[in-house]
């Protein structure tokens, strides 16, 4: 069979298969073009999930007659002035979006550049251009999407599902540019000029107010990486990753390095099946990241992925830790907002007797038996963040009073966090092996393991290359027996795919967390005054003390004013 050149219309439709996957892809490409045109207000209208009509109107710079005609030619773009794919500072740059969309739909464009004496209208079906009365920016209407390629229509989901994807795209781009106003179907409105925190609340919901921690433009030691944005308190989480917004140089991305770093940062303060909320903006030299990976432009490749991942993990962990160590008034106030489940507990608490135990139970683990247990509560500090002990309720909760209000501490969760942090900060006890454990692997798998050899050693596992097709383990964490062959193969697969691996760190975390859980004060155990006070003082000086290793709250503080309202004193 002889080789022939494909006709232009078929080339465009093939290209459209990569760029225009579904209606949300069209919305994304058109909004990105509007942002590149300097728009400050973008109006999107979508009918039937996008299959019938998509309209995007912007107040950007518009186009001249010649530029309008060029805009629907493949690989024609205004986004690469120096022809350098390693220095991309625009949302778009491929010059594929408009011709791809036009090849699978009925598309029209109205535009005015503010210079010509009138606007211009282009019907992309018949390549007919004529003057129009359009007065500002650009309007692109996409009708009958995939009407020219009916086979593609059957792959679309229901209108409701497609609309959900459209809303998600608009939200992510609105998060990327809080200075720009977005309106979708006159229902989803994000006003122009919002601060980032205001945009977060408008997108994530009012419950995000006062529950997000600020990452204040933190840079690494060399200044080549910078991270800013917001992450949620560990006790504020979702059942899915729906409210995780990640950006690289203000470009919305779904990148495995960033997602893995976020997961690792929350690993010991949140359950593995729960997800933090975030809006994180990573800024770095455009030459250090390749955004020209896929036509959708949602994937990126970092020049130094391990460096990026480590920087993000350290930055997020530092900020999570600070909120639990800094017991200033602002941090206290953040924990004074009652959640729905807390309110029902408090109402039940008010109606029950607060028991104070004067008997002397057996001391537990970390507390010094020589302390004077006759020391009464009168001498305990009232001004400390978690206050002074009043007593114990239901043999589960330590009750205290402070200047800010009424304090309830989960004794098991508090002690569990204390023990875990002590274990985490101590060196891992390792066991040298008389006979190394040798795991046969493919040469490329051996190379992947050696890429993160030092990181693996930080978890207590010392290994090295054993010939071209094997890895030998010389030391392992004491009292720790795993299926080392499976683990190394899993680590190799993860490194090959993502450039890093969290397998060993997650297993180490689970081991330490389980130990801390099984060796901490139990719910139902009675404590005396000194034990309770010692527990409060220790938790005040423990990192990430606001939640246990499973993400449950350690303490709650109820404002005095809230208590006064119960008894109609306000």
Protein backbone atom coordinates (compact mmCIF):
# COMPACT_ATOMS: atom_id res chain seq x y z
CA UNK A 1 0.00 0.00 0.00
CA UNK A 2 1.47 3.35 -1.05
CA UNK A 3 1.91 6.25 1.37
CA UNK A 4 -0.35 9.25 0.88
CA UNK A 5 -0.71 12.61 2.56
CA UNK A 6 -3.87 13.06 4.61
CA UNK A 7 -6.26 15.88 3.70
CA UNK A 8 -6.18 18.96 5.93
CA UNK A 9 -9.67 18.41 7.38
CA UNK A 10 -8.69 14.90 8.53
CA UNK A 11 -5.40 16.15 10.00
CA UNK A 12 -7.37 18.73 11.98
CA UNK A 13 -9.83 16.13 13.24
CA UNK A 14 -7.01 13.83 14.33
CA UNK A 15 -5.38 16.72 16.18
CA UNK A 16 -8.73 17.59 17.72
CA UNK A 17 -8.84 14.11 19.23
CA UNK A 18 -5.88 15.10 21.41
CA UNK A 19 -6.88 18.67 22.24
CA UNK A 20 -10.68 18.46 22.32
CA UNK A 21 -11.47 15.45 24.46
CA UNK A 22 -14.83 16.68 25.79
CA UNK A 23 -16.77 19.94 26.25
CA UNK A 24 -14.70 20.84 29.31
CA UNK A 25 -11.59 20.76 27.08
CA UNK A 26 -13.16 23.35 24.79
CA UNK A 27 -14.06 25.59 27.73
CA UNK A 28 -10.52 25.30 29.09
CA UNK A 29 -8.84 26.22 25.80
CA UNK A 30 -11.14 29.19 25.17
CA UNK A 31 -10.74 30.59 28.68
CA UNK A 32 -6.96 30.23 28.49
CA UNK A 33 -6.98 32.18 25.22
CA UNK A 34 -9.08 34.87 26.91
CA UNK A 35 -6.61 35.10 29.80
CA UNK A 36 -3.67 35.37 27.41
CA UNK A 37 -5.52 38.24 25.70
CA UNK A 38 -5.43 40.20 28.96
CA UNK A 39 -9.09 39.80 29.89
CA UNK A 40 -10.33 40.96 33.28
CA UNK A 41 -13.86 39.57 32.88
CA UNK A 42 -14.88 36.29 31.21
CA UNK A 43 -18.46 35.11 30.71
CA UNK A 44 -19.10 31.45 29.90
CA UNK A 45 -22.42 29.95 28.86
CA UNK A 46 -22.90 26.22 28.31
CA UNK A 47 -26.00 24.39 27.08
CA UNK A 48 -26.65 20.64 27.42
CA UNK A 49 -23.31 20.05 29.07
CA UNK A 50 -21.58 21.70 26.12
CA UNK A 51 -22.67 19.44 23.30
CA UNK A 52 -25.26 21.94 21.99
CA UNK A 53 -23.57 25.28 22.69
CA UNK A 54 -20.49 26.76 24.37
CA UNK A 55 -20.03 30.52 24.42
CA UNK A 56 -17.05 32.37 25.89
CA UNK A 57 -17.02 36.18 25.94
CA UNK A 58 -14.03 38.21 27.14
CA UNK A 59 -13.00 41.85 27.33
CA UNK A 60 -9.45 41.20 26.17
CA UNK A 61 -7.40 42.78 23.42
CA UNK A 62 -9.36 41.28 20.53
CA UNK A 63 -7.99 40.57 17.04
CA UNK A 64 -7.50 42.37 13.76
CA UNK A 65 -8.88 40.96 10.51
CA UNK A 66 -5.58 39.30 9.58
CA UNK A 67 -5.05 37.83 13.06
CA UNK A 68 -8.59 36.48 13.08
CA UNK A 69 -7.97 34.58 9.86
CA UNK A 70 -4.65 33.24 11.14
CA UNK A 71 -6.17 32.17 14.48
CA UNK A 72 -7.87 29.12 12.99
CA UNK A 73 -4.80 27.89 11.15
CA UNK A 74 -2.93 25.09 12.84
CA UNK A 75 0.24 26.08 14.71
CA UNK A 76 -0.43 29.79 14.29
CA UNK A 77 0.00 31.54 17.64
CA UNK A 78 0.89 34.86 19.27
CA UNK A 79 2.28 33.13 22.37
CA UNK A 80 5.90 32.36 21.44
CA UNK A 81 7.51 35.69 20.50
CA UNK A 82 11.06 34.28 20.79
CA UNK A 83 10.25 30.78 19.47
CA UNK A 84 11.55 29.30 22.73
CA UNK A 85 9.60 26.32 24.07
CA UNK A 86 11.74 26.40 27.22
CA UNK A 87 10.52 29.85 28.23
CA UNK A 88 6.74 29.68 28.10
CA UNK A 89 4.89 32.39 30.02
CA UNK A 90 1.45 32.04 28.43
CA UNK A 91 -1.42 29.67 29.15
CA UNK A 92 -1.52 28.59 25.51
CA UNK A 93 1.29 28.27 23.00
CA UNK A 94 0.60 25.40 20.61
CA UNK A 95 -1.72 27.15 18.15
CA UNK A 96 -3.92 24.05 17.99
CA UNK A 97 -7.01 24.90 20.03
CA UNK A 98 -9.11 27.00 17.65
CA UNK A 99 -8.47 24.97 14.46
CA UNK A 100 -9.08 21.74 16.39
CA UNK A 101 -12.37 23.00 17.82
CA UNK A 102 -13.46 24.37 14.43
CA UNK A 103 -12.82 20.98 12.80
CA UNK A 104 -15.35 19.18 15.02
CA UNK A 105 -18.05 21.84 15.47
CA UNK A 106 -19.80 24.85 14.01
CA UNK A 107 -17.72 27.73 15.38
CA UNK A 108 -18.11 31.47 14.95
CA UNK A 109 -15.92 34.31 16.26
CA UNK A 110 -16.80 37.96 16.94
CA UNK A 111 -13.89 40.24 17.85
CA UNK A 112 -12.79 43.87 18.08
CA UNK A 113 -9.25 45.05 18.78
CA UNK A 114 -10.04 48.66 19.71
CA UNK A 115 -7.98 49.94 16.77
CA UNK A 116 -9.95 49.09 13.63
CA UNK A 117 -13.02 51.16 12.79
CA UNK A 118 -15.29 48.16 13.50
CA UNK A 119 -15.29 44.60 14.71
CA UNK A 120 -15.06 41.41 12.67
CA UNK A 121 -17.15 38.25 12.38
CA UNK A 122 -15.82 34.89 11.15
CA UNK A 123 -17.86 31.80 10.30
CA UNK A 124 -15.28 29.02 10.53
CA UNK A 125 -17.40 26.58 8.53
CA UNK A 126 -17.27 28.55 5.30
CA UNK A 127 -14.28 30.79 6.15
CA UNK A 128 -16.46 33.84 5.63
CA UNK A 129 -15.22 37.03 7.30
CA UNK A 130 -17.11 40.30 7.38
CA UNK A 131 -17.40 43.49 9.43
CA UNK A 132 -19.52 43.32 12.58
CA UNK A 133 -20.86 45.60 15.29
CA UNK A 134 -18.98 43.78 18.06
CA UNK A 135 -17.56 46.47 20.32
CA UNK A 136 -15.11 44.94 22.81
CA UNK A 137 -12.93 41.86 23.20
CA UNK A 138 -13.91 38.52 21.69
CA UNK A 139 -16.86 36.15 21.66
CA UNK A 140 -16.43 32.56 20.48
CA UNK A 141 -19.51 30.37 20.01
CA UNK A 142 -19.12 26.62 19.55
CA UNK A 143 -22.31 24.91 18.33
CA UNK A 144 -23.06 21.24 17.70
CA UNK A 145 -19.80 19.95 19.24
CA UNK A 146 -18.61 16.73 17.54
CA UNK A 147 -21.39 17.12 14.97
CA UNK A 148 -18.77 16.58 12.26
CA UNK A 149 -17.45 13.47 13.98
CA UNK A 150 -20.58 11.65 15.19
CA UNK A 151 -18.58 8.67 16.44
CA UNK A 152 -17.12 10.92 19.13
CA UNK A 153 -20.55 11.80 20.50
CA UNK A 154 -21.14 8.33 21.90
CA UNK A 155 -18.14 8.74 24.17
CA UNK A 156 -19.62 11.77 25.90
CA UNK A 157 -21.19 11.22 29.29
CA UNK A 158 -24.55 12.57 30.42
CA UNK A 159 -25.13 16.30 30.23
CA UNK A 160 -24.95 16.46 34.03
CA UNK A 161 -21.55 14.71 34.12
CA UNK A 162 -20.14 16.90 31.36
CA UNK A 163 -21.38 19.99 33.17
CA UNK A 164 -19.63 18.90 36.36
CA UNK A 165 -16.37 18.73 34.40
CA UNK A 166 -16.99 22.18 32.92
CA UNK A 167 -17.58 23.65 36.38
CA UNK A 168 -14.36 22.05 37.63
CA UNK A 169 -12.36 23.60 34.76
CA UNK A 170 -13.81 27.05 35.42
CA UNK A 171 -13.09 26.78 39.15
CA UNK A 172 -9.46 25.80 38.56
CA UNK A 173 -8.87 28.67 36.14
CA UNK A 174 -10.67 31.04 38.52
CA UNK A 175 -8.30 29.89 41.26
CA UNK A 176 -5.35 30.53 38.96
CA UNK A 177 -6.46 34.14 38.41
CA UNK A 178 -8.41 35.61 41.35
CA UNK A 179 -7.89 39.07 39.80
CA UNK A 180 -10.12 38.07 36.87
CA UNK A 181 -13.91 37.83 37.07
CA UNK A 182 -15.63 34.63 35.90
CA UNK A 183 -19.33 33.97 35.36
CA UNK A 184 -20.63 30.55 34.27
CA UNK A 185 -24.26 30.21 33.15
CA UNK A 186 -25.07 33.22 35.34
CA UNK A 187 -24.99 30.80 38.28
CA UNK A 188 -21.36 30.38 39.25
CA UNK A 189 -20.00 33.88 39.82
CA UNK A 190 -16.48 34.76 40.92
CA UNK A 191 -16.17 38.57 41.05
CA UNK A 192 -13.19 40.37 39.56
CA UNK A 193 -10.48 41.54 41.95
CA UNK A 194 -11.08 39.04 44.75
CA UNK A 195 -8.21 38.24 47.07
CA UNK A 196 -7.03 34.66 46.93
CA UNK A 197 -8.63 33.89 50.30
CA UNK A 198 -11.95 35.33 49.09
CA UNK A 199 -11.75 33.27 45.91
CA UNK A 200 -11.03 30.14 47.96
CA UNK A 201 -14.12 30.68 50.12
CA UNK A 202 -16.30 31.37 47.07
CA UNK A 203 -15.13 28.11 45.47
CA UNK A 204 -14.56 25.77 48.44
CA UNK A 205 -17.45 27.07 50.51
CA UNK A 206 -17.94 29.11 53.66
CA UNK A 207 -16.74 26.22 55.82
CA UNK A 208 -13.22 26.90 54.54
CA UNK A 209 -13.16 30.27 56.32
CA UNK A 210 -10.70 30.21 59.24
CA UNK A 211 -9.83 26.58 58.47
CA UNK A 212 -7.05 27.23 55.96
CA UNK A 213 -3.38 27.78 56.82
CA UNK A 214 -1.41 30.41 54.90
CA UNK A 215 1.75 29.50 52.98
CA UNK A 216 3.33 32.92 52.71
CA UNK A 217 5.54 32.86 49.61
CA UNK A 218 8.21 30.56 51.08
CA UNK A 219 11.42 30.13 49.03
CA UNK A 220 14.06 27.42 49.17
CA UNK A 221 17.64 28.17 50.19
CA UNK A 222 18.75 29.01 46.64
CA UNK A 223 15.64 31.07 45.91
CA UNK A 224 14.83 29.17 42.72
CA UNK A 225 11.65 27.62 44.13
CA UNK A 226 8.82 29.51 45.77
CA UNK A 227 5.56 28.21 47.26
CA UNK A 228 2.50 30.19 48.30
CA UNK A 229 -1.18 29.64 48.88
CA UNK A 230 -3.35 27.88 51.44
CA UNK A 231 -3.68 24.39 52.90
CA UNK A 232 -6.36 23.08 55.23
CA UNK A 233 -5.98 22.29 58.89
CA UNK A 234 -5.48 18.54 59.31
CA UNK A 235 -8.91 18.26 60.94
CA UNK A 236 -10.54 19.88 57.88
CA UNK A 237 -10.58 17.33 55.07
CA UNK A 238 -12.63 15.81 52.25
CA UNK A 239 -13.46 12.28 51.17
CA UNK A 240 -11.94 13.00 47.73
CA UNK A 241 -9.36 15.29 46.12
CA UNK A 242 -12.05 17.52 44.60
CA UNK A 243 -10.82 20.63 46.45
CA UNK A 244 -7.12 20.25 45.70
CA UNK A 245 -5.99 23.03 43.37
CA UNK A 246 -2.35 22.87 42.23
CA UNK A 247 -0.57 25.41 40.05
CA UNK A 248 2.87 25.71 38.46
CA UNK A 249 3.69 29.26 37.41
CA UNK A 250 -0.05 29.99 37.70
CA UNK A 251 -0.93 27.12 35.33
CA UNK A 252 -3.49 24.62 36.72
CA UNK A 253 -1.92 21.16 36.67
CA UNK A 254 -2.62 17.63 37.84
CA UNK A 255 0.93 16.57 38.53
CA UNK A 256 1.99 13.38 40.32
CA UNK A 257 5.01 15.02 41.97
CA UNK A 258 2.86 17.72 43.55
CA UNK A 259 0.07 15.33 44.55
CA UNK A 260 2.61 12.93 46.08
CA UNK A 261 4.27 15.75 48.04
CA UNK A 262 0.92 16.92 49.39
CA UNK A 263 0.03 13.41 50.48
CA UNK A 264 3.42 12.91 52.15
CA UNK A 265 3.14 16.21 54.07
CA UNK A 266 -0.15 15.13 55.64
CA UNK A 267 0.83 11.48 56.04
CA UNK A 268 1.05 11.47 59.86
CA UNK A 269 -1.77 13.90 60.59
CA UNK A 270 -4.54 12.60 58.34
CA UNK A 271 -6.02 9.22 57.49
CA UNK A 272 -4.83 7.78 54.17
CA UNK A 273 -8.40 7.66 52.84
CA UNK A 274 -8.98 11.36 53.51
CA UNK A 275 -7.77 14.37 51.54
CA UNK A 276 -6.69 17.88 52.59
CA UNK A 277 -7.96 20.97 50.79
CA UNK A 278 -5.42 23.25 49.17
CA UNK A 279 -4.67 26.00 46.71
CA UNK A 280 -0.92 25.78 46.17
CA UNK A 281 1.11 27.89 43.76
CA UNK A 282 4.61 26.74 42.89
CA UNK A 283 6.75 29.33 41.12
CA UNK A 284 10.05 28.49 39.45
CA UNK A 285 12.14 29.34 36.41
CA UNK A 286 10.14 28.33 33.28
CA UNK A 287 13.31 26.65 32.02
CA UNK A 288 13.14 24.24 34.99
CA UNK A 289 9.76 22.83 34.04
CA UNK A 290 8.45 21.42 30.76
CA UNK A 291 4.78 22.25 30.15
CA UNK A 292 4.96 20.94 26.58
CA UNK A 293 4.19 17.37 27.64
CA UNK A 294 0.64 16.85 26.42
CA UNK A 295 -1.83 18.80 24.27
CA UNK A 296 -4.09 19.28 27.30
CA UNK A 297 -1.22 21.11 29.09
CA UNK A 298 -2.26 19.73 32.49
CA UNK A 299 0.87 17.60 32.92
CA UNK A 300 4.35 18.96 33.51
CA UNK A 301 7.85 17.53 33.85
CA UNK A 302 10.26 19.01 36.38
CA UNK A 303 13.97 19.17 35.69
CA UNK A 304 14.62 18.20 39.36
CA UNK A 305 11.46 16.44 40.63
CA UNK A 306 13.07 15.18 43.86
CA UNK A 307 14.16 18.70 44.77
CA UNK A 308 10.68 20.09 44.10
CA UNK A 309 9.01 17.31 46.08
CA UNK A 310 11.32 17.68 49.07
CA UNK A 311 10.86 21.47 49.16
CA UNK A 312 7.07 21.18 49.13
CA UNK A 313 6.97 18.50 51.84
CA UNK A 314 9.26 20.49 54.14
CA UNK A 315 7.33 23.72 53.60
CA UNK A 316 3.92 22.17 54.24
CA UNK A 317 5.07 20.21 57.29
CA UNK A 318 6.66 23.32 58.76
CA UNK A 319 3.42 25.24 58.40
CA UNK A 320 1.31 22.42 59.81
CA UNK A 321 3.69 22.18 62.78
CA UNK A 322 3.66 25.93 63.47
CA UNK A 323 -0.10 26.00 63.94
CA UNK A 324 0.20 23.45 66.73
CA UNK A 325 3.20 25.01 68.47
CA UNK A 326 2.12 28.65 68.26
CA UNK A 327 -0.60 28.92 70.87
CA UNK A 328 -1.10 32.65 70.32
CA UNK A 329 -4.55 34.21 70.42
CA UNK A 330 -5.03 33.83 66.67
CA UNK A 331 -4.27 30.12 66.76
CA UNK A 332 -6.49 29.60 69.79
CA UNK A 333 -9.37 31.35 68.05
CA UNK A 334 -9.08 29.09 65.01
CA UNK A 335 -9.98 26.12 67.17
CA UNK A 336 -12.95 27.84 68.81
CA UNK A 337 -15.34 27.29 65.90
CA UNK A 338 -17.76 24.55 66.89
CA UNK A 339 -18.40 21.88 64.28
CA UNK A 340 -21.88 20.31 63.99
CA UNK A 341 -20.85 17.11 65.74
CA UNK A 342 -19.25 19.16 68.51
CA UNK A 343 -22.45 21.06 69.20
CA UNK A 344 -24.44 17.91 69.98
CA UNK A 345 -21.64 16.70 72.25
CA UNK A 346 -21.57 20.01 74.12
CA UNK A 347 -25.32 19.99 74.67
CA UNK A 348 -25.00 16.48 76.06
CA UNK A 349 -22.06 17.58 78.20
CA UNK A 350 -23.99 20.43 79.78
CA UNK A 351 -26.72 18.05 80.85
CA UNK A 352 -24.35 15.62 82.58
CA UNK A 353 -22.34 15.74 85.78
CA UNK A 354 -18.67 16.72 85.42
CA UNK A 355 -16.90 14.13 87.56
CA UNK A 356 -13.62 14.94 89.32
CA UNK A 357 -11.75 11.90 90.59
CA UNK A 358 -9.77 12.24 93.80
CA UNK A 359 -8.54 8.67 93.92
CA UNK A 360 -5.05 7.82 92.70
CA UNK A 361 -4.95 5.49 89.66
CA UNK A 362 -1.83 3.72 88.48
CA UNK A 363 0.69 5.94 86.68
CA UNK A 364 1.28 5.37 83.01
CA UNK A 365 4.39 5.32 80.88
CA UNK A 366 6.02 8.68 80.47
CA UNK A 367 5.09 10.30 83.77
CA UNK A 368 7.43 10.46 86.75
CA UNK A 369 6.03 8.65 89.79
CA UNK A 370 8.07 10.85 92.12
CA UNK A 371 5.95 13.91 91.36
CA UNK A 372 3.90 15.26 94.25
CA UNK A 373 0.46 13.99 93.42
CA UNK A 374 -0.97 15.86 96.41
CA UNK A 375 -0.25 19.11 94.61
CA UNK A 376 -3.69 20.68 94.16
CA UNK A 377 -5.21 22.39 91.17
CA UNK A 378 -4.95 25.84 92.76
CA UNK A 379 -1.30 26.03 91.73
CA UNK A 380 -1.85 24.89 88.14
CA UNK A 381 -1.44 27.57 85.43
CA UNK A 382 -4.65 29.28 84.34
CA UNK A 383 -2.91 31.40 81.71
CA UNK A 384 -1.36 28.52 79.77
CA UNK A 385 -2.96 27.91 76.33
CA UNK A 386 -4.76 24.76 77.44
CA UNK A 387 -5.43 26.17 80.89
CA UNK A 388 -5.62 24.41 84.25
CA UNK A 389 -7.28 21.10 84.94
CA UNK A 390 -10.80 20.99 86.32
CA UNK A 391 -11.22 17.24 86.10
CA UNK A 392 -11.93 14.23 83.93
CA UNK A 393 -15.17 13.41 82.15
CA UNK A 394 -16.26 9.87 81.32
CA UNK A 395 -12.66 8.68 81.84
CA UNK A 396 -11.97 9.91 78.27
CA UNK A 397 -11.68 13.67 78.30
CA UNK A 398 -9.59 16.06 80.37
CA UNK A 399 -11.56 19.18 81.23
CA UNK A 400 -9.68 22.44 81.78
CA UNK A 401 -10.31 26.19 81.94
CA UNK A 402 -8.21 28.91 80.31
CA UNK A 403 -8.42 32.64 79.70
CA UNK A 404 -9.95 31.92 76.31
CA UNK A 405 -12.61 29.52 77.50
CA UNK A 406 -13.49 25.94 78.24
CA UNK A 407 -11.01 23.25 77.11
CA UNK A 408 -11.80 19.61 76.34
CA UNK A 409 -8.85 17.30 75.59
CA UNK A 410 -9.11 13.74 74.28
CA UNK A 411 -6.59 12.03 76.55
CA UNK A 412 -5.89 9.10 74.20
CA UNK A 413 -5.45 11.29 71.11
CA UNK A 414 -3.20 13.69 73.02
CA UNK A 415 -0.91 10.99 74.42
CA UNK A 416 -0.83 9.21 71.06
CA UNK A 417 0.51 12.35 69.35
CA UNK A 418 3.11 12.91 72.09
CA UNK A 419 4.47 9.37 71.77
CA UNK A 420 4.45 9.46 67.96
CA UNK A 421 6.43 12.72 67.81
CA UNK A 422 9.03 11.34 70.24
CA UNK A 423 9.41 8.21 68.11
CA UNK A 424 9.57 10.22 64.89
CA UNK A 425 12.37 12.49 66.08
CA UNK A 426 14.58 9.65 67.34
CA UNK A 427 16.94 7.73 65.09
CA UNK A 428 15.56 4.48 63.76
CA UNK A 429 17.14 1.46 65.40
CA UNK A 430 18.64 -0.67 62.64
CA UNK A 431 19.65 -4.32 62.57
CA UNK A 432 22.78 -5.31 60.58
CA UNK A 433 22.27 -8.55 58.67
CA UNK A 434 24.87 -11.31 58.84
CA UNK A 435 23.71 -12.48 55.43
CA UNK A 436 22.43 -9.75 53.08
CA UNK A 437 18.98 -10.12 51.59
CA UNK A 438 19.46 -10.28 47.82
CA UNK A 439 16.55 -9.32 45.55
CA UNK A 440 16.87 -10.07 41.86
CA UNK A 441 15.62 -7.22 39.66
CA UNK A 442 15.84 -5.96 36.10
CA UNK A 443 18.75 -3.60 35.42
CA UNK A 444 16.37 -0.67 34.93
CA UNK A 445 14.67 -1.49 38.26
CA UNK A 446 18.07 -1.53 39.99
CA UNK A 447 18.78 1.92 38.55
CA UNK A 448 15.42 3.21 39.84
CA UNK A 449 16.16 1.95 43.36
CA UNK A 450 19.62 3.53 43.37
CA UNK A 451 18.07 6.87 42.39
CA UNK A 452 16.56 7.17 45.89
CA UNK A 453 19.11 5.12 47.82
CA UNK A 454 19.75 7.88 50.39
CA UNK A 455 16.04 8.47 50.93
CA UNK A 456 15.53 4.76 51.56
CA UNK A 457 18.40 4.77 54.08
CA UNK A 458 16.66 7.54 56.06
CA UNK A 459 13.95 4.95 56.79
CA UNK A 460 16.51 2.49 58.22
CA UNK A 461 17.04 0.37 55.11
CA UNK A 462 20.66 0.20 53.90
CA UNK A 463 21.08 -1.34 50.45
CA UNK A 464 23.28 -1.23 47.39
CA UNK A 465 23.70 -2.67 43.93
CA UNK A 466 24.58 -6.38 43.83
CA UNK A 467 25.72 -6.94 40.27
CA UNK A 468 23.78 -5.58 37.32
CA UNK A 469 20.50 -7.29 38.14
CA UNK A 470 20.13 -7.42 41.91
CA UNK A 471 19.88 -5.29 45.05
CA UNK A 472 21.38 -6.39 48.37
CA UNK A 473 19.93 -5.24 51.72
CA UNK A 474 22.63 -4.96 54.43
CA UNK A 475 20.63 -3.31 57.25
CA UNK A 476 16.94 -3.13 58.01
CA UNK A 477 14.86 -1.48 60.73
CA UNK A 478 15.00 -3.64 63.88
CA UNK A 479 12.00 -5.88 64.52
CA UNK A 480 10.67 -5.13 61.07
CA UNK A 481 10.02 -7.98 58.67
CA UNK A 482 8.41 -7.27 55.33
CA UNK A 483 8.18 -8.85 51.93
CA UNK A 484 11.33 -7.05 50.81
CA UNK A 485 11.15 -8.36 47.25
CA UNK A 486 7.65 -6.99 46.72
CA UNK A 487 8.53 -3.72 48.45
CA UNK A 488 11.57 -3.06 46.26
CA UNK A 489 9.65 -3.87 43.10
CA UNK A 490 6.82 -1.53 44.20
CA UNK A 491 9.34 1.22 44.97
CA UNK A 492 10.99 0.73 41.59
CA UNK A 493 7.64 1.02 39.78
CA UNK A 494 6.77 4.19 41.66
CA UNK A 495 10.15 5.81 40.99
CA UNK A 496 9.94 4.94 37.30
CA UNK A 497 6.49 6.51 37.04
CA UNK A 498 6.77 9.50 39.38
CA UNK A 499 10.48 10.08 39.99
CA UNK A 500 10.07 9.35 43.70
CA UNK A 501 8.52 6.81 46.08
CA UNK A 502 6.66 7.14 49.37
CA UNK A 503 6.19 3.40 49.91
CA UNK A 504 8.79 2.99 52.66
CA UNK A 505 7.92 6.24 54.41
CA UNK A 506 4.25 5.25 54.56
CA UNK A 507 5.05 1.84 56.00
CA UNK A 508 7.34 3.43 58.60
CA UNK A 509 4.63 5.91 59.51
CA UNK A 510 2.09 3.13 59.98
CA UNK A 511 4.49 1.20 62.20
CA UNK A 512 5.19 4.22 64.42
CA UNK A 513 1.53 5.25 64.47
CA UNK A 514 0.39 1.77 65.51
CA UNK A 515 3.02 1.64 68.25
CA UNK A 516 1.96 5.07 69.54
CA UNK A 517 -1.70 4.09 69.49
CA UNK A 518 -1.15 0.83 71.40
CA UNK A 519 1.15 2.37 74.03
CA UNK A 520 -0.78 5.52 74.89
CA UNK A 521 -3.33 6.26 77.60
CA UNK A 522 -6.59 4.54 76.77
CA UNK A 523 -10.07 5.97 76.68
CA UNK A 524 -11.66 4.81 79.93
CA UNK A 525 -8.46 5.11 82.00
CA UNK A 526 -8.76 7.28 85.10
CA UNK A 527 -6.07 9.89 85.64
CA UNK A 528 -5.12 12.00 88.66
CA UNK A 529 -4.51 15.76 88.74
CA UNK A 530 -0.77 15.57 88.13
CA UNK A 531 -1.12 13.14 85.24
CA UNK A 532 -3.75 15.30 83.59
CA UNK A 533 -1.74 18.50 84.04
CA UNK A 534 1.42 16.82 82.70
CA UNK A 535 -0.49 15.65 79.64
CA UNK A 536 -1.75 19.20 78.94
CA UNK A 537 1.70 20.73 79.35
CA UNK A 538 3.30 18.11 77.11
CA UNK A 539 0.75 18.53 74.35
CA UNK A 540 1.34 22.30 74.39
CA UNK A 541 4.99 21.63 73.53
CA UNK A 542 4.39 18.95 70.90
CA UNK A 543 4.44 19.55 67.17
CA UNK A 544 1.21 19.01 65.22
CA UNK A 545 -0.62 18.67 68.52
CA UNK A 546 -4.01 19.63 67.12
CA UNK A 547 -4.80 16.11 65.95
CA UNK A 548 -3.75 12.53 66.55
CA UNK A 549 -1.96 10.33 64.01
CA UNK A 550 -5.30 9.38 62.45
CA UNK A 551 -6.42 12.99 62.00
CA UNK A 552 -8.89 13.12 64.92
CA UNK A 553 -8.95 16.36 66.96
CA UNK A 554 -6.89 16.34 70.16
CA UNK A 555 -8.67 19.26 71.83
CA UNK A 556 -11.50 21.74 71.47
CA UNK A 557 -11.80 25.20 73.02
CA UNK A 558 -15.22 26.76 73.59
CA UNK A 559 -15.34 30.51 74.08
CA UNK A 560 -16.62 31.83 77.39
CA UNK A 561 -19.06 33.99 75.43
CA UNK A 562 -20.54 30.85 73.88
CA UNK A 563 -21.05 29.31 77.29
CA UNK A 564 -22.70 32.54 78.49
CA UNK A 565 -25.24 32.29 75.69
CA UNK A 566 -26.28 28.85 76.96
CA UNK A 567 -27.39 30.49 80.18
CA UNK A 568 -28.77 33.65 78.55
CA UNK A 569 -26.12 35.92 80.06
CA UNK A 570 -25.65 37.76 76.77
